[in-house]
Amino acid sequence: MKIVIITVSDRASRGEYEDLSGPEIEKIILEGGIQAEIVREIVPDTEHLITSAMLQNQGADYIITSGGTGLSPRDITPEITERLCEKSLPGIAEMLRAESFRETPNALLSRGYAGILGRTIIVNFPGSVKAVRLCTRVILPVLEHGVSMMEGKGH
């Protein structure tokens, strides 16, 4: 399985602070027993760079983004993801918000999206380390099954 983690952050892309969310997602996936090649990237909250990162990694089993799902004018990750995807996976986004709401009512303001681009499942996570810990643990049990379904192996 190949998983690409794209951290969407102006400040992290400029080196103003260390990306902690991308490495945390990777750590939880590997500790969860998933056998995966994991690639991490950091891009600023810029439409053409987010789009380019997603399109360049099309073909991976998963692209997981961290950041850009809030209400700031520069938070555009869900819009880009939805525009690129051919099919939506609303159950993933709904469950991530529902489980996150158990931790904080602010989860209602998260706008993450999940969908399919070609044979790649793209999932948007919020940018905080606390949020990515929770979200990664929520999707961890279905990662392998998602790949199996995308390969036509059924339910």
Protein backbone atom coordinates (compact mmCIF):
# COMPACT_ATOMS: atom_id res chain seq x y z
CA MET A 1 0.00 0.00 0.00
CA LYS A 2 1.25 3.48 -0.81
CA ILE A 3 0.09 6.42 1.29
CA VAL A 4 1.02 10.02 0.56
CA ILE A 5 0.61 12.52 3.38
CA ILE A 6 0.37 16.13 2.23
CA THR A 7 0.59 18.77 4.92
CA VAL A 8 -1.05 21.98 3.72
CA SER A 9 0.45 24.88 5.66
CA ASP A 10 1.89 28.23 4.67
CA ARG A 11 4.08 28.46 7.76
CA ALA A 12 5.38 24.88 7.67
CA SER A 13 6.16 25.20 3.96
CA ARG A 14 8.25 28.30 4.72
CA GLY A 15 10.06 26.51 7.54
CA GLU A 16 8.63 28.80 10.22
CA TYR A 17 7.64 25.77 12.26
CA GLU A 18 8.16 22.04 12.04
CA ASP A 19 5.37 19.94 10.56
CA LEU A 20 4.23 17.69 13.40
CA SER A 21 0.96 16.43 11.91
CA GLY A 22 2.43 14.59 8.91
CA PRO A 23 4.91 12.58 10.99
CA GLU A 24 2.17 11.82 13.54
CA ILE A 25 -0.10 10.37 10.84
CA GLU A 26 2.78 8.23 9.56
CA LYS A 27 3.66 7.01 13.05
CA ILE A 28 0.09 5.94 13.87
CA ILE A 29 -0.33 4.12 10.55
CA LEU A 30 2.89 2.17 10.99
CA GLU A 31 2.23 1.45 14.67
CA GLY A 32 -1.21 0.21 13.63
CA GLY A 33 0.39 -2.61 11.70
CA ILE A 34 -0.31 -1.28 8.21
CA GLN A 35 2.40 -2.31 5.77
CA ALA A 36 2.80 0.82 3.69
CA GLU A 37 5.23 2.92 1.76
CA ILE A 38 4.63 6.39 3.16
CA VAL A 39 5.67 9.62 1.46
CA ARG A 40 5.28 13.01 3.14
CA GLU A 41 5.11 16.42 1.46
CA ILE A 42 4.47 19.96 2.64
CA VAL A 43 2.79 22.57 0.45
CA PRO A 44 1.48 26.08 1.17
CA ASP A 45 -2.22 26.96 1.11
CA THR A 46 -1.99 27.77 -2.59
CA GLU A 47 -4.46 26.33 -5.07
CA HIS A 48 -2.11 25.36 -7.87
CA LEU A 49 0.44 23.80 -5.49
CA ILE A 50 -2.16 21.73 -3.61
CA THR A 51 -3.68 20.65 -6.93
CA SER A 52 -0.27 19.76 -8.33
CA ALA A 53 0.69 17.72 -5.25
CA MET A 54 -2.54 15.73 -5.47
CA LEU A 55 -2.28 15.12 -9.21
CA GLN A 56 1.40 14.15 -9.01
CA ASN A 57 0.53 11.56 -6.36
CA GLN A 58 -2.52 10.20 -8.15
CA GLY A 59 -2.02 6.46 -8.28
CA ALA A 60 -1.10 6.12 -4.62
CA ASP A 61 -3.64 4.10 -2.70
CA TYR A 62 -4.31 7.02 -0.36
CA ILE A 63 -3.58 10.71 -0.19
CA ILE A 64 -4.19 12.04 3.29
CA THR A 65 -4.05 15.80 3.67
CA SER A 66 -3.54 17.65 6.92
CA GLY A 67 -4.59 21.28 7.15
CA GLY A 68 -6.59 23.75 5.14
CA THR A 69 -10.00 22.52 6.34
CA GLY A 70 -10.97 25.44 8.56
CA LEU A 71 -12.70 28.75 7.95
CA SER A 72 -9.75 30.97 7.07
CA PRO A 73 -9.84 32.56 3.61
CA ARG A 74 -6.73 30.50 2.72
CA ASP A 75 -8.32 27.18 3.82
CA ILE A 76 -9.14 25.69 0.41
CA THR A 77 -8.10 22.04 0.66
CA PRO A 78 -11.67 20.59 0.66
CA GLU A 79 -12.70 22.61 -2.39
CA ILE A 80 -9.67 21.43 -4.35
CA THR A 81 -10.17 17.83 -3.26
CA GLU A 82 -13.85 17.85 -4.21
CA ARG A 83 -13.12 19.43 -7.58
CA LEU A 84 -10.51 16.76 -8.41
CA CYS A 85 -12.44 13.73 -7.17
CA GLU A 86 -14.74 11.75 -9.43
CA LYS A 87 -16.68 10.17 -6.55
CA SER A 88 -17.33 11.26 -2.99
CA LEU A 89 -16.92 9.18 0.16
CA PRO A 90 -19.19 11.11 2.52
CA GLY A 91 -19.12 8.43 5.22
CA ILE A 92 -15.46 9.09 5.92
CA ALA A 93 -15.82 12.86 6.31
CA GLU A 94 -19.01 12.46 8.35
CA MET A 95 -17.39 9.97 10.74
CA LEU A 96 -14.25 12.07 11.16
CA ARG A 97 -16.39 15.05 12.17
CA ALA A 98 -18.64 12.96 14.42
CA GLU A 99 -15.74 11.37 16.27
CA SER A 100 -13.90 14.68 16.50
CA PHE A 101 -17.03 16.30 17.94
CA ARG A 102 -16.73 13.94 20.90
CA GLU A 103 -13.47 15.77 21.71
CA THR A 104 -14.48 19.32 20.82
CA PRO A 105 -17.56 21.11 19.48
CA ASN A 106 -15.18 23.00 17.18
CA ALA A 107 -15.19 19.90 14.97
CA LEU A 108 -18.47 21.18 13.55
CA LEU A 109 -16.44 23.89 11.82
CA SER A 110 -14.16 21.42 10.02
CA ARG A 111 -14.88 21.17 6.31
CA GLY A 112 -12.87 18.08 5.41
CA TYR A 113 -13.83 16.08 2.32
CA ALA A 114 -13.14 12.53 1.20
CA GLY A 115 -13.38 11.14 -2.30
CA ILE A 116 -11.84 9.09 -5.08
CA LEU A 117 -9.51 10.39 -7.80
CA GLY A 118 -8.86 7.60 -10.29
CA ARG A 119 -7.82 4.72 -8.04
CA THR A 120 -6.68 6.99 -5.19
CA ILE A 121 -8.71 7.66 -2.06
CA ILE A 122 -8.17 11.22 -0.79
CA VAL A 123 -9.07 12.15 2.77
CA ASN A 124 -8.78 15.64 4.32
CA PHE A 125 -7.80 15.89 7.99
CA PRO A 126 -7.64 19.08 10.06
CA GLY A 127 -4.14 20.36 10.73
CA SER A 128 -3.69 20.01 14.48
CA VAL A 129 -1.71 17.12 15.91
CA LYS A 130 -4.59 16.25 18.26
CA ALA A 131 -7.02 16.11 15.32
CA VAL A 132 -4.78 13.98 13.11
CA ARG A 133 -4.23 11.50 15.94
CA LEU A 134 -7.97 11.00 16.27
CA CYS A 135 -8.70 10.99 12.54
CA THR A 136 -5.90 8.54 11.73
CA ARG A 137 -7.17 6.14 14.38
CA VAL A 138 -10.69 6.42 12.94
CA ILE A 139 -9.68 5.45 9.38
CA LEU A 140 -6.94 2.97 10.33
CA PRO A 141 -9.31 -0.05 10.48
CA VAL A 142 -10.59 0.52 6.93
CA LEU A 143 -7.37 1.40 5.08
CA GLU A 144 -6.68 -2.12 3.80
CA HIS A 145 -10.33 -2.83 3.01
CA GLY A 146 -10.53 0.41 1.02
CA VAL A 147 -7.59 -0.68 -1.14
CA SER A 148 -9.14 -4.11 -1.62
CA MET A 149 -12.41 -2.58 -2.76
CA MET A 150 -10.62 -0.20 -5.13
CA GLU A 151 -8.91 -3.25 -6.68
CA GLY A 152 -12.34 -4.78 -7.35
CA LYS A 153 -12.01 -7.53 -4.75
CA GLY A 154 -15.45 -6.75 -3.35
CA HIS A 155 -16.74 -6.27 0.13
